[in-house]
N, C-alpha and C. Protein backbone atom coordinates (compact mmCIF):
# COMPACT_ATOMS: atom_id res chain seq x y z
N UNK A 1 -19.48 38.56 33.51
CA UNK A 1 -19.32 37.58 34.74
C UNK A 1 -20.26 36.73 34.74
N UNK A 2 -21.73 36.78 34.43
CA UNK A 2 -22.58 35.66 34.36
C UNK A 2 -22.42 34.72 33.34
N UNK A 3 -21.68 35.04 32.22
CA UNK A 3 -21.15 34.13 31.25
C UNK A 3 -19.97 33.07 31.85
N UNK A 4 -19.16 33.71 32.67
CA UNK A 4 -18.19 32.72 33.05
C UNK A 4 -18.81 31.91 34.34
N UNK A 5 -19.52 32.47 34.90
CA UNK A 5 -20.35 31.39 36.10
C UNK A 5 -21.09 30.41 35.30
N UNK A 6 -21.73 30.76 34.18
CA UNK A 6 -22.52 29.73 33.52
C UNK A 6 -21.80 28.70 32.84
N UNK A 7 -20.71 28.99 32.30
CA UNK A 7 -19.80 28.23 31.45
C UNK A 7 -19.14 27.31 32.66
N UNK A 8 -18.61 27.89 33.65
CA UNK A 8 -18.22 26.91 34.92
C UNK A 8 -19.16 25.91 35.38
N UNK A 9 -20.38 26.05 35.50
CA UNK A 9 -21.31 25.37 35.99
C UNK A 9 -21.79 24.22 34.93
N UNK A 10 -21.68 24.75 33.84
CA UNK A 10 -21.97 23.71 32.51
C UNK A 10 -20.74 22.72 32.60
N UNK A 11 -19.43 23.08 32.76
CA UNK A 11 -18.39 22.10 32.52
C UNK A 11 -18.54 21.09 33.89
N UNK A 12 -18.67 21.68 35.14
CA UNK A 12 -19.09 20.97 36.48
C UNK A 12 -20.17 19.80 36.15
N UNK A 13 -20.99 20.16 35.58
CA UNK A 13 -22.43 19.24 35.26
C UNK A 13 -21.86 18.24 34.33
N UNK A 14 -21.27 18.69 33.28
CA UNK A 14 -20.86 17.60 32.17
C UNK A 14 -19.80 16.73 32.82
N UNK A 15 -18.79 17.18 33.70
CA UNK A 15 -18.02 16.14 34.36
C UNK A 15 -18.69 15.09 35.30
N UNK A 16 -19.71 15.63 35.90
CA UNK A 16 -20.35 14.89 36.66
C UNK A 16 -21.26 13.75 35.99
N UNK A 17 -21.74 14.13 34.90
CA UNK A 17 -22.54 13.28 34.15
C UNK A 17 -21.82 12.09 33.42
N UNK A 18 -20.43 12.76 33.00
CA UNK A 18 -19.36 11.57 32.54
C UNK A 18 -19.02 10.71 33.69
N UNK A 19 -18.67 11.01 34.92
CA UNK A 19 -18.22 10.54 35.99
C UNK A 19 -19.50 9.32 36.42
N UNK A 20 -20.41 9.77 36.55
CA UNK A 20 -21.66 8.86 36.91
C UNK A 20 -21.83 7.82 35.65
N UNK A 21 -21.67 8.34 34.41
CA UNK A 21 -21.99 7.42 33.43
C UNK A 21 -20.64 6.14 33.62
N UNK A 22 -19.47 6.60 33.86
CA UNK A 22 -18.35 5.61 34.05
C UNK A 22 -18.81 4.50 35.08
N UNK A 23 -19.32 5.33 36.17
CA UNK A 23 -19.39 4.06 37.52
C UNK A 23 -20.63 3.24 36.98
N UNK A 24 -21.68 3.60 36.23
CA UNK A 24 -22.66 2.79 35.87
C UNK A 24 -22.21 1.70 34.96
N UNK A 25 -21.28 2.01 33.75
CA UNK A 25 -20.58 1.04 32.95
C UNK A 25 -19.72 0.18 33.78
N UNK A 26 -19.17 0.67 34.75
CA UNK A 26 -18.23 -0.27 35.46
C UNK A 26 -18.82 -1.19 36.29
N UNK A 27 -19.93 -0.83 37.01
CA UNK A 27 -20.71 -1.73 37.89
C UNK A 27 -21.59 -2.85 36.69
N UNK A 28 -22.06 -2.39 35.61
CA UNK A 28 -22.74 -3.42 34.41
C UNK A 28 -21.85 -4.30 34.05
N UNK A 29 -20.54 -4.03 33.81
CA UNK A 29 -19.39 -4.89 33.25
C UNK A 29 -18.85 -5.81 34.20
N UNK A 30 -19.62 -5.85 35.52
CA UNK A 30 -19.04 -6.82 36.52
C UNK A 30 -17.76 -6.30 37.04
N UNK A 31 -17.34 -5.10 36.94
CA UNK A 31 -16.11 -4.71 37.50
C UNK A 31 -16.22 -4.80 39.05
N UNK A 32 -17.35 -4.49 39.51
CA UNK A 32 -17.70 -4.51 41.10
C UNK A 32 -17.63 -5.76 41.59
N UNK A 33 -17.49 -6.91 40.96
CA UNK A 33 -17.38 -8.39 41.31
C UNK A 33 -15.93 -8.77 41.77
N UNK A 34 -15.79 -10.06 42.07
CA UNK A 34 -14.62 -10.44 42.48
C UNK A 34 -13.67 -10.70 41.35
N UNK A 35 -12.40 -10.20 41.39
CA UNK A 35 -11.32 -10.48 40.35
C UNK A 35 -10.66 -11.68 40.50
N UNK A 36 -10.97 -12.58 41.57
CA UNK A 36 -10.44 -13.67 41.70
C UNK A 36 -11.11 -15.01 41.02
N UNK A 37 -10.49 -15.84 40.25
CA UNK A 37 -11.48 -16.78 39.59
C UNK A 37 -11.96 -17.80 40.62
N UNK A 38 -12.92 -18.37 40.11
CA UNK A 38 -13.45 -19.55 40.85
C UNK A 38 -12.59 -20.55 41.57
N UNK A 39 -11.56 -21.15 40.34
CA UNK A 39 -10.78 -22.02 40.86
C UNK A 39 -9.83 -21.56 42.09
N UNK A 40 -9.48 -20.36 41.92
CA UNK A 40 -8.61 -19.74 42.97
C UNK A 40 -9.45 -19.66 44.37
N UNK A 41 -10.76 -19.09 44.33
CA UNK A 41 -11.57 -18.95 45.33
C UNK A 41 -11.58 -20.61 46.08
N UNK A 42 -11.95 -21.32 45.18
CA UNK A 42 -11.86 -23.01 45.93
C UNK A 42 -10.73 -23.24 46.52
N UNK A 43 -9.42 -23.05 45.87
CA UNK A 43 -8.17 -23.37 46.31
C UNK A 43 -7.95 -22.68 47.72
N UNK A 44 -8.27 -21.27 47.79
CA UNK A 44 -8.08 -20.73 49.22
C UNK A 44 -9.04 -21.38 50.26
N UNK A 45 -10.14 -21.76 49.92
CA UNK A 45 -10.77 -22.44 50.95
C UNK A 45 -10.36 -23.67 51.30
N UNK A 46 -9.93 -24.61 50.22
CA UNK A 46 -9.17 -25.86 50.47
C UNK A 46 -8.15 -25.90 51.06
N UNK A 47 -7.26 -24.67 50.97
CA UNK A 47 -5.92 -24.39 51.61
C UNK A 47 -6.01 -24.34 53.15
N UNK A 48 -7.32 -24.09 53.75
CA UNK A 48 -7.76 -23.67 55.12
C UNK A 48 -8.06 -25.15 55.65
N UNK A 49 -8.36 -26.27 55.20
CA UNK A 49 -8.54 -27.45 55.55
C UNK A 49 -7.08 -27.98 56.37
N UNK A 50 -7.55 -28.84 57.47
CA UNK A 50 -6.33 -29.38 58.09
C UNK A 50 -5.75 -30.39 57.40
N UNK A 51 -4.54 -31.23 58.19
CA UNK A 51 -3.89 -32.02 57.55
C UNK A 51 -4.41 -33.38 57.11
N UNK A 52 -5.56 -33.65 57.73
CA UNK A 52 -6.24 -34.80 57.29
C UNK A 52 -6.92 -35.05 55.91
N UNK A 53 -6.78 -33.79 55.26
CA UNK A 53 -7.13 -33.78 53.85
C UNK A 53 -6.01 -33.47 52.79
N UNK A 54 -6.21 -34.35 51.94
CA UNK A 54 -5.09 -34.28 50.79
C UNK A 54 -5.71 -33.67 49.64
N UNK A 55 -5.24 -32.59 49.10
CA UNK A 55 -6.02 -32.06 47.80
C UNK A 55 -5.29 -32.15 46.88
N UNK A 56 -5.87 -32.63 45.69
CA UNK A 56 -5.19 -32.88 44.15
C UNK A 56 -6.16 -31.73 43.32
N UNK A 57 -5.30 -31.14 42.49
CA UNK A 57 -6.12 -30.15 41.51
C UNK A 57 -5.78 -30.58 40.05
N UNK A 58 -6.95 -30.30 39.16
CA UNK A 58 -6.79 -30.73 37.81
C UNK A 58 -6.41 -32.04 37.71
N UNK A 59 -7.14 -33.04 38.21
CA UNK A 59 -6.96 -34.55 37.98
C UNK A 59 -7.42 -34.84 36.63
N UNK A 60 -6.51 -35.57 35.95
CA UNK A 60 -6.79 -36.15 34.64
C UNK A 60 -7.18 -37.57 34.76
N UNK A 61 -8.33 -37.86 34.19
CA UNK A 61 -8.81 -39.23 34.10
C UNK A 61 -9.57 -39.61 32.62
N UNK A 62 -9.24 -40.76 32.39
CA UNK A 62 -9.61 -41.48 31.26
C UNK A 62 -11.27 -41.67 31.21
N UNK A 63 -11.99 -41.05 30.51
CA UNK A 63 -13.50 -41.38 30.37
C UNK A 63 -13.89 -42.28 29.38
N UNK A 64 -15.17 -42.65 29.02
CA UNK A 64 -15.70 -43.44 28.01
C UNK A 64 -15.35 -42.56 26.69
N UNK A 65 -15.74 -41.29 26.77
CA UNK A 65 -15.42 -40.44 25.53
C UNK A 65 -14.46 -39.57 25.67
N UNK A 66 -13.25 -39.97 25.91
CA UNK A 66 -11.98 -38.96 26.11
C UNK A 66 -11.24 -39.01 27.32
N UNK A 67 -11.08 -37.78 27.88
CA UNK A 67 -10.47 -37.37 29.11
C UNK A 67 -11.25 -36.41 29.70
N UNK A 68 -11.18 -36.61 31.02
CA UNK A 68 -11.96 -35.48 31.87
C UNK A 68 -10.79 -34.85 32.73
N UNK A 69 -11.20 -33.74 33.07
CA UNK A 69 -10.32 -32.84 33.89
C UNK A 69 -11.03 -32.34 35.13
N UNK A 70 -10.81 -33.12 36.17
CA UNK A 70 -11.60 -32.87 37.60
C UNK A 70 -10.87 -31.77 38.20
N UNK A 71 -11.56 -30.72 38.43
CA UNK A 71 -11.00 -29.51 39.20
C UNK A 71 -10.27 -29.87 40.46
N UNK A 72 -10.83 -30.58 41.45
CA UNK A 72 -10.28 -30.81 42.74
C UNK A 72 -10.71 -32.18 43.07
N UNK A 73 -9.93 -33.09 43.64
CA UNK A 73 -10.38 -34.24 44.33
C UNK A 73 -9.57 -33.94 45.82
N UNK A 74 -10.31 -34.35 46.79
CA UNK A 74 -9.87 -34.24 48.11
C UNK A 74 -9.98 -35.64 48.93
N UNK A 75 -8.76 -36.14 49.45
CA UNK A 75 -8.72 -37.43 50.16
C UNK A 75 -8.77 -37.25 51.54
N UNK A 76 -9.70 -37.89 52.31
CA UNK A 76 -9.96 -37.57 53.78
C UNK A 76 -10.24 -38.98 54.35
N UNK A 77 -10.05 -39.06 55.68
CA UNK A 77 -10.73 -40.24 56.33
C UNK A 77 -12.37 -40.37 56.18
N UNK A 78 -12.71 -39.41 55.61
CA UNK A 78 -14.27 -39.24 55.44
C UNK A 78 -14.91 -39.61 54.23
N UNK A 79 -13.86 -39.68 53.25
CA UNK A 79 -14.18 -40.16 51.76
C UNK A 79 -13.36 -39.43 50.87
N UNK A 80 -13.79 -39.59 49.48
CA UNK A 80 -13.13 -39.02 48.55
C UNK A 80 -13.96 -37.93 48.00
N UNK A 81 -13.78 -36.59 48.10
CA UNK A 81 -14.67 -35.57 47.79
C UNK A 81 -14.25 -35.12 46.39
N UNK A 82 -15.41 -35.25 45.47
CA UNK A 82 -15.03 -34.78 44.18
C UNK A 82 -15.65 -33.54 43.89
N UNK A 83 -14.90 -32.44 43.43
CA UNK A 83 -15.37 -31.02 43.54
C UNK A 83 -15.48 -30.70 41.96
N UNK A 84 -16.76 -30.36 41.64
CA UNK A 84 -16.99 -29.69 40.16
C UNK A 84 -17.19 -28.11 40.37
N UNK A 85 -16.61 -27.59 39.48
CA UNK A 85 -16.68 -26.01 39.43
C UNK A 85 -17.52 -25.65 38.65
N UNK A 86 -18.56 -24.48 38.98
CA UNK A 86 -19.45 -23.89 38.08
C UNK A 86 -19.16 -22.26 38.31
N UNK A 87 -18.32 -21.98 37.43
CA UNK A 87 -17.59 -20.77 37.44
C UNK A 87 -18.30 -19.52 36.77
N UNK A 88 -19.67 -19.83 36.20
CA UNK A 88 -20.50 -18.95 35.38
C UNK A 88 -21.15 -17.88 36.16
N UNK A 89 -21.08 -16.59 35.56
CA UNK A 89 -21.73 -15.39 36.45
C UNK A 89 -23.15 -15.57 35.75
N UNK A 90 -24.07 -15.21 36.67
CA UNK A 90 -25.59 -15.11 36.24
C UNK A 90 -26.39 -15.72 37.14
N UNK A 91 -27.56 -16.02 36.80
CA UNK A 91 -28.60 -16.47 37.72
C UNK A 91 -28.87 -17.86 37.07
N UNK A 92 -28.70 -18.79 37.94
CA UNK A 92 -28.94 -20.25 37.28
C UNK A 92 -29.95 -20.78 37.79
N UNK A 93 -30.95 -21.31 36.83
CA UNK A 93 -32.28 -22.12 37.33
C UNK A 93 -32.26 -23.42 36.70
N UNK A 94 -33.15 -24.27 37.10
CA UNK A 94 -33.31 -25.58 36.36
C UNK A 94 -33.95 -26.59 37.43
N UNK A 95 -33.80 -27.86 37.18
CA UNK A 95 -34.19 -28.94 37.83
C UNK A 95 -33.10 -29.91 37.83
N UNK A 96 -32.72 -30.34 39.16
CA UNK A 96 -31.59 -31.20 39.28
C UNK A 96 -31.72 -32.34 38.30
N UNK A 97 -32.71 -32.86 37.98
CA UNK A 97 -32.98 -34.13 37.02
C UNK A 97 -32.93 -33.82 35.40
N UNK A 98 -32.79 -32.51 35.33
CA UNK A 98 -32.91 -32.12 33.78
C UNK A 98 -31.33 -31.98 33.52
N UNK A 99 -31.14 -32.39 32.05
CA UNK A 99 -29.96 -32.33 31.43
C UNK A 99 -29.33 -31.17 31.32
N UNK A 100 -30.21 -30.01 30.84
CA UNK A 100 -29.79 -28.61 30.61
C UNK A 100 -30.25 -27.81 31.92
N UNK A 101 -29.48 -26.78 32.20
CA UNK A 101 -29.99 -25.60 33.00
C UNK A 101 -30.28 -24.33 32.46
N UNK A 102 -30.94 -23.30 32.74
CA UNK A 102 -30.77 -21.98 32.07
C UNK A 102 -29.92 -21.12 32.99
N UNK A 103 -29.37 -20.38 32.31
CA UNK A 103 -28.60 -19.27 33.21
C UNK A 103 -28.93 -17.82 32.29
N UNK A 104 -28.95 -16.98 33.15
CA UNK A 104 -29.39 -15.53 32.66
C UNK A 104 -28.33 -14.60 33.20
N UNK A 105 -27.75 -13.85 32.09
CA UNK A 105 -26.68 -13.02 32.72
C UNK A 105 -26.92 -11.78 31.39
N UNK A 106 -26.83 -10.69 31.94
CA UNK A 106 -27.02 -9.44 31.48
C UNK A 106 -28.27 -9.42 30.54
N UNK A 107 -29.31 -10.02 30.77
CA UNK A 107 -30.48 -9.94 30.22
C UNK A 107 -30.55 -10.94 29.00
N UNK A 108 -29.53 -11.67 29.02
CA UNK A 108 -29.35 -12.84 27.88
C UNK A 108 -29.63 -14.23 28.56
N UNK A 109 -30.69 -14.99 27.82
CA UNK A 109 -30.78 -16.23 28.41
C UNK A 109 -30.10 -17.39 27.58
N UNK A 110 -29.43 -18.36 28.43
CA UNK A 110 -28.52 -19.31 27.65
C UNK A 110 -28.75 -20.60 28.51
N UNK A 111 -28.25 -21.51 27.97
CA UNK A 111 -28.37 -23.07 28.60
C UNK A 111 -27.12 -23.64 28.89
N UNK A 112 -26.93 -24.23 30.01
CA UNK A 112 -25.52 -24.81 30.30
C UNK A 112 -25.88 -26.35 30.73
N UNK A 113 -24.86 -27.05 30.46
CA UNK A 113 -25.29 -28.55 31.02
C UNK A 113 -25.16 -28.71 32.52
N UNK A 114 -26.08 -29.48 32.90
CA UNK A 114 -26.20 -29.99 34.30
C UNK A 114 -24.93 -29.95 34.98
N UNK A 115 -24.28 -29.18 35.85
CA UNK A 115 -23.13 -29.36 36.62
C UNK A 115 -23.23 -30.69 37.45
N UNK A 116 -24.40 -30.89 38.07
CA UNK A 116 -24.48 -32.20 38.95
C UNK A 116 -24.13 -33.48 38.37
N UNK A 117 -24.75 -33.37 36.80
CA UNK A 117 -24.42 -34.58 35.90
C UNK A 117 -22.90 -34.55 35.61
N UNK A 118 -22.32 -33.37 35.36
CA UNK A 118 -20.71 -33.42 35.20
C UNK A 118 -20.22 -34.00 36.43
N UNK A 119 -20.69 -33.57 37.72
CA UNK A 119 -19.93 -34.32 38.73
C UNK A 119 -19.92 -35.70 38.89
N UNK A 120 -21.22 -36.29 38.52
CA UNK A 120 -21.68 -37.63 38.35
C UNK A 120 -20.68 -38.29 37.46
N UNK A 121 -20.40 -37.73 36.25
CA UNK A 121 -19.43 -38.31 35.24
C UNK A 121 -17.93 -38.25 35.67
N UNK A 122 -17.63 -37.28 36.66
CA UNK A 122 -16.28 -37.35 37.32
C UNK A 122 -16.06 -38.55 38.29
N UNK A 123 -17.19 -38.70 38.93
CA UNK A 123 -17.19 -39.74 39.96
C UNK A 123 -17.07 -41.10 39.02
N UNK A 124 -17.95 -41.18 38.11
CA UNK A 124 -17.80 -42.60 37.58
C UNK A 124 -16.64 -42.86 36.84
N UNK A 125 -15.58 -41.90 36.30
CA UNK A 125 -14.54 -42.05 35.81
C UNK A 125 -13.39 -42.35 36.90
N UNK A 126 -13.48 -41.68 38.09
CA UNK A 126 -12.62 -41.86 39.04
C UNK A 126 -12.73 -43.22 39.72
N UNK A 127 -13.99 -43.77 39.61
CA UNK A 127 -14.35 -45.03 40.25
C UNK A 127 -13.69 -46.09 39.12
N UNK A 128 -13.63 -45.86 38.02
CA UNK A 128 -13.01 -46.95 37.00
C UNK A 128 -11.43 -46.97 37.48
N UNK A 129 -10.94 -45.80 37.83
CA UNK A 129 -9.62 -45.73 38.04
C UNK A 129 -9.22 -46.14 39.53
N UNK A 130 -9.99 -45.87 40.38
CA UNK A 130 -9.84 -46.11 42.09
C UNK A 130 -10.41 -47.30 42.46
N UNK A 131 -11.34 -47.74 41.76
CA UNK A 131 -12.23 -48.68 42.49
C UNK A 131 -13.23 -48.28 43.31
N UNK A 132 -14.13 -49.10 43.73
CA UNK A 132 -15.21 -48.62 44.70
C UNK A 132 -14.74 -48.01 45.95
N UNK A 133 -14.96 -46.73 46.24
CA UNK A 133 -14.63 -45.94 47.26
C UNK A 133 -15.86 -45.16 47.84
N UNK A 134 -15.69 -44.49 48.95
CA UNK A 134 -16.72 -43.71 49.45
C UNK A 134 -16.74 -42.22 48.92
N UNK A 135 -17.28 -41.90 47.57
CA UNK A 135 -17.20 -40.91 47.07
C UNK A 135 -18.18 -39.94 47.33
N UNK A 136 -17.69 -38.49 47.67
CA UNK A 136 -18.61 -37.58 48.11
C UNK A 136 -18.79 -36.32 47.06
N UNK A 137 -20.00 -36.42 46.40
CA UNK A 137 -20.00 -35.34 45.15
C UNK A 137 -20.24 -33.88 46.05
N UNK A 138 -19.60 -32.90 45.21
CA UNK A 138 -19.97 -31.52 45.74
C UNK A 138 -19.68 -30.65 44.34
N UNK A 139 -20.84 -29.71 44.10
CA UNK A 139 -20.54 -28.90 43.03
C UNK A 139 -20.44 -27.35 43.54
N UNK A 140 -19.50 -26.87 43.38
CA UNK A 140 -19.21 -25.49 43.89
C UNK A 140 -19.54 -24.38 42.74
N UNK A 141 -20.70 -23.30 43.29
CA UNK A 141 -20.86 -22.33 42.52
C UNK A 141 -19.94 -20.99 42.92
N UNK A 142 -19.42 -20.42 42.20
CA UNK A 142 -18.71 -19.45 42.76
C UNK A 142 -19.16 -17.89 42.36
N UNK A 143 -19.61 -17.86 40.90
CA UNK A 143 -20.00 -16.51 40.64
C UNK A 143 -21.28 -16.22 40.33
N UNK A 144 -22.19 -17.38 40.60
CA UNK A 144 -23.61 -17.22 40.11
C UNK A 144 -24.65 -17.27 41.34
N UNK A 145 -25.81 -16.93 40.96
CA UNK A 145 -26.85 -16.81 42.02
C UNK A 145 -27.70 -18.10 41.69
N UNK A 146 -27.97 -18.77 42.70
CA UNK A 146 -28.86 -19.95 42.22
C UNK A 146 -30.23 -19.82 42.50
N UNK A 147 -31.22 -19.86 41.40
CA UNK A 147 -32.66 -19.58 41.74
C UNK A 147 -33.46 -20.80 42.05
N UNK A 148 -32.85 -21.98 42.25
CA UNK A 148 -33.42 -23.10 42.71
C UNK A 148 -32.64 -23.96 43.71
N UNK A 149 -33.23 -24.64 44.46
CA UNK A 149 -32.35 -25.50 45.44
C UNK A 149 -32.11 -26.70 44.80
N UNK A 150 -30.61 -26.95 44.37
CA UNK A 150 -30.25 -28.18 43.73
C UNK A 150 -29.66 -29.14 44.70
N UNK A 151 -30.04 -29.10 45.96
CA UNK A 151 -29.71 -30.22 46.79
C UNK A 151 -28.47 -29.89 47.71
N UNK A 152 -28.14 -30.77 48.38
CA UNK A 152 -27.26 -30.45 49.40
C UNK A 152 -25.64 -30.57 48.91
N UNK A 153 -25.73 -30.94 47.73
CA UNK A 153 -24.33 -31.25 47.22
C UNK A 153 -23.98 -29.93 46.47
N UNK A 154 -24.86 -29.02 46.17
CA UNK A 154 -24.77 -27.68 45.51
C UNK A 154 -24.43 -26.62 46.57
N UNK A 155 -23.19 -26.25 46.53
CA UNK A 155 -22.76 -25.14 47.48
C UNK A 155 -22.15 -23.90 46.93
N UNK A 156 -22.37 -23.03 47.71
CA UNK A 156 -21.66 -21.67 47.34
C UNK A 156 -20.12 -21.76 47.74
N UNK A 157 -19.16 -21.22 47.31
CA UNK A 157 -17.80 -21.15 47.80
C UNK A 157 -17.81 -20.95 49.03
N UNK A 158 -18.33 -19.93 49.71
CA UNK A 158 -18.31 -19.77 51.11
C UNK A 158 -18.94 -20.79 52.04
N UNK A 159 -19.68 -21.79 51.47
CA UNK A 159 -20.17 -22.80 52.21
C UNK A 159 -19.21 -24.15 52.23
N UNK A 160 -18.05 -24.00 51.40
CA UNK A 160 -17.45 -25.24 51.19
C UNK A 160 -16.77 -25.87 52.53
N UNK A 161 -16.19 -25.13 53.36
CA UNK A 161 -15.78 -25.64 54.51
C UNK A 161 -16.76 -26.25 55.53
N UNK A 162 -18.07 -25.65 55.37
CA UNK A 162 -18.94 -26.13 56.26
C UNK A 162 -19.45 -27.30 55.74
N UNK A 163 -19.33 -27.55 54.45
CA UNK A 163 -19.71 -28.97 53.76
C UNK A 163 -18.82 -29.88 54.12
N UNK A 164 -17.59 -29.50 54.14
CA UNK A 164 -16.52 -30.46 54.65
C UNK A 164 -16.78 -31.10 56.00
N UNK A 165 -17.02 -30.04 56.84
CA UNK A 165 -17.17 -30.14 58.38
C UNK A 165 -18.47 -31.08 58.74
N UNK A 166 -19.34 -31.07 57.56
CA UNK A 166 -20.50 -31.86 57.99
C UNK A 166 -20.40 -33.42 57.69
N UNK A 167 -19.28 -33.85 57.08
CA UNK A 167 -18.85 -35.11 56.96
C UNK A 167 -17.69 -35.53 58.02
N UNK A 168 -18.40 -36.23 58.96
CA UNK A 168 -17.49 -36.49 60.13
C UNK A 168 -17.38 -38.12 60.37
N UNK A 169 -18.08 -38.92 59.63
CA UNK A 169 -17.84 -40.31 59.81
C UNK A 169 -16.77 -40.89 59.05
N UNK A 170 -15.88 -41.50 59.74
CA UNK A 170 -14.91 -42.19 59.09
C UNK A 170 -15.12 -43.38 58.30
N UNK A 171 -14.77 -43.44 56.95
CA UNK A 171 -15.34 -44.34 55.96
C UNK A 171 -14.10 -44.69 55.12
N UNK A 172 -12.90 -44.14 55.48
CA UNK A 172 -11.62 -44.79 54.61
C UNK A 172 -10.50 -45.00 55.87
N UNK A 173 -9.96 -46.24 55.80
CA UNK A 173 -9.10 -46.49 56.53
C UNK A 173 -7.74 -45.79 56.08
N UNK A 174 -6.55 -45.52 56.92
CA UNK A 174 -5.47 -44.82 56.48
C UNK A 174 -4.79 -45.73 55.31
N UNK A 175 -4.71 -47.00 55.22
CA UNK A 175 -4.09 -47.59 54.14
C UNK A 175 -4.93 -47.50 52.78
N UNK A 176 -6.12 -47.38 52.96
CA UNK A 176 -6.82 -47.01 51.88
C UNK A 176 -6.75 -45.42 51.25
N UNK A 177 -6.65 -44.61 52.17
CA UNK A 177 -6.22 -43.13 51.78
C UNK A 177 -4.92 -43.37 51.09
N UNK A 178 -3.94 -43.95 51.64
CA UNK A 178 -2.42 -43.86 51.07
C UNK A 178 -2.64 -44.55 49.60
N UNK A 179 -3.43 -45.76 49.45
CA UNK A 179 -3.54 -46.21 48.08
C UNK A 179 -3.98 -45.35 47.15
N UNK A 180 -5.07 -44.52 47.45
CA UNK A 180 -5.94 -43.73 46.51
C UNK A 180 -4.85 -42.45 46.17
N UNK A 181 -4.26 -42.17 47.28
CA UNK A 181 -2.95 -40.72 47.26
C UNK A 181 -1.98 -41.33 46.15
N UNK A 182 -1.58 -42.65 46.12
CA UNK A 182 -0.30 -43.28 45.30
C UNK A 182 -1.02 -43.24 44.17
N UNK A 183 -2.21 -43.78 43.80
CA UNK A 183 -2.64 -43.73 42.35
C UNK A 183 -3.01 -42.38 41.68
N UNK A 184 -3.40 -41.37 42.36
CA UNK A 184 -3.49 -40.04 42.04
C UNK A 184 -2.15 -39.36 41.68
N UNK A 185 -1.30 -39.60 42.44
CA UNK A 185 0.07 -39.01 42.37
C UNK A 185 0.66 -39.63 41.10
C-alpha cells in the first residue's frame, strides 16, 4: 500500500516539475508577449485617427543609395508625419547623436543603427520627392524597452495618438495636402 502511495506522489511531483518547466520555457521564449507585429500595432493606432489624417503605408521612395521603404506617412493639416518603426524586442540604450545603439535581449548584447537617423533619411528622401513641407518625425518602438530618453520624437506605440494630438497648429493648407496625397498615390 505504501508503495502505491509513494509511486503516485512521485508521478504527481514529476508532472508538476515538467509543467513548471514548460511555463518557464514559454515565458523566456517571449510567448508571454504580444503576438501582433509592430506594424499591425501601429496600423491599429493610426486607424483610430479621424478623417483629417490620410495614412499611407510602405511608401517607397528613391534615395541616394537605392530605395527606401517608409513604414507610414500620415498627411494632415498639421504636417506630414513620417513614422519609422523599431520593432526589435529587448532593452535599447544609446545616445541620440550616436550612429549605433546597443540592444540587449536574452542576455546577448548587439548593436543596431540609430532609428532616429533612419527617420531623418526617410524625411530627406521624401523632401526630394515632395519638396519642402512641414515634416514631423516620429520613431515608434513597439516591442522594446528604452533605457534612455531619446527625445520627444521617440515614442512607444501606446503614446502614438497622444503624439498626434500634441500637434495642433495648422501648417498645411488643404490644397497642399491634396498635392502631397496625389504625389504619394
